[in-house]
């Protein structure tokens, strides 16, 4: 991928991560579910440092799960 393409992908992933974090904060779910979702976003953020394209795919799956109302089980 050329440098401009990499920068565009980085900007797109950064924007989507910000959007996803805002959506998670706004959810009316138990705190344990919110924490699990936040941890998933942190893992995606960390992965973006090493595999930006892979992180973008994971983020899109995460957002699709949010859209469909598929949330992780609450930690106990």
Protein backbone atom coordinates (compact mmCIF):
# COMPACT_ATOMS: atom_id res chain seq x y z
CA UNK A 1 0.00 0.00 0.00
CA UNK A 2 1.37 3.43 -0.87
CA UNK A 3 2.02 6.03 1.79
CA UNK A 4 -1.10 8.11 0.99
CA UNK A 5 -3.29 5.01 1.07
CA UNK A 6 -1.85 4.03 4.44
CA UNK A 7 -2.51 7.50 5.84
CA UNK A 8 -6.08 7.45 4.53
CA UNK A 9 -6.69 4.03 6.09
CA UNK A 10 -5.19 5.22 9.37
CA UNK A 11 -7.46 8.28 9.38
CA UNK A 12 -10.50 6.14 8.56
CA UNK A 13 -9.73 3.63 11.33
CA UNK A 14 -9.07 6.42 13.83
CA UNK A 15 -12.40 8.05 13.01
CA UNK A 16 -14.29 4.76 13.23
CA UNK A 17 -12.62 3.93 16.57
CA UNK A 18 -13.70 7.30 17.94
CA UNK A 19 -17.25 6.68 16.71
CA UNK A 20 -17.28 3.17 18.20
CA UNK A 21 -16.08 4.42 21.59
CA UNK A 22 -18.82 7.07 21.61
CA UNK A 23 -21.44 4.47 20.75
CA UNK A 24 -20.26 2.14 23.51
CA UNK A 25 -20.37 4.98 26.06
CA UNK A 26 -23.96 5.79 25.05
CA UNK A 27 -25.27 2.21 25.30
CA UNK A 28 -27.78 1.42 28.02
CA UNK A 29 -26.16 -1.86 29.10
CA UNK A 30 -24.78 -3.21 32.39
CA UNK A 31 -21.37 -1.83 33.32
CA UNK A 32 -19.74 -5.26 32.86
CA UNK A 33 -20.92 -5.40 29.24
CA UNK A 34 -19.65 -1.85 28.62
CA UNK A 35 -16.28 -2.82 30.09
CA UNK A 36 -16.07 -5.91 27.84
CA UNK A 37 -16.89 -3.81 24.77
CA UNK A 38 -14.31 -1.20 25.77
CA UNK A 39 -11.66 -3.91 26.19
CA UNK A 40 -12.44 -5.18 22.68
CA UNK A 41 -11.95 -1.67 21.32
CA UNK A 42 -8.64 -1.33 23.17
CA UNK A 43 -7.45 -4.61 21.64
CA UNK A 44 -8.41 -3.35 18.17
CA UNK A 45 -6.60 -0.07 18.86
CA UNK A 46 -3.44 -1.93 19.90
CA UNK A 47 -3.66 -4.20 16.85
CA UNK A 48 -3.83 -1.15 14.58
CA UNK A 49 -0.25 -0.32 15.55
CA UNK A 50 0.99 -3.57 13.98
CA UNK A 51 -1.66 -4.57 11.43
CA UNK A 52 -3.76 -1.63 10.32
CA UNK A 53 -5.72 -3.52 7.66
CA UNK A 54 -6.50 -6.37 10.05
CA UNK A 55 -7.58 -3.92 12.73
CA UNK A 56 -9.87 -2.20 10.22
CA UNK A 57 -11.55 -5.55 9.47
CA UNK A 58 -11.94 -6.35 13.17
CA UNK A 59 -13.38 -2.90 13.81
CA UNK A 60 -15.96 -3.32 11.04
CA UNK A 61 -17.03 -6.66 12.56
CA UNK A 62 -17.23 -5.01 15.99
CA UNK A 63 -19.43 -2.20 14.63
CA UNK A 64 -21.61 -4.72 12.78
CA UNK A 65 -22.10 -6.58 16.08
CA UNK A 66 -23.11 -3.30 17.75
CA UNK A 67 -25.55 -2.59 14.93
CA UNK A 68 -27.10 -6.04 15.36
CA UNK A 69 -27.24 -5.78 19.16
CA UNK A 70 -24.77 -8.62 19.69
CA UNK A 71 -23.00 -7.84 22.94
CA UNK A 72 -20.61 -9.96 25.02
CA UNK A 73 -21.75 -11.59 28.22
CA UNK A 74 -21.34 -9.50 31.35
CA UNK A 75 -18.19 -10.36 33.32
CA UNK A 76 -18.84 -11.72 36.75
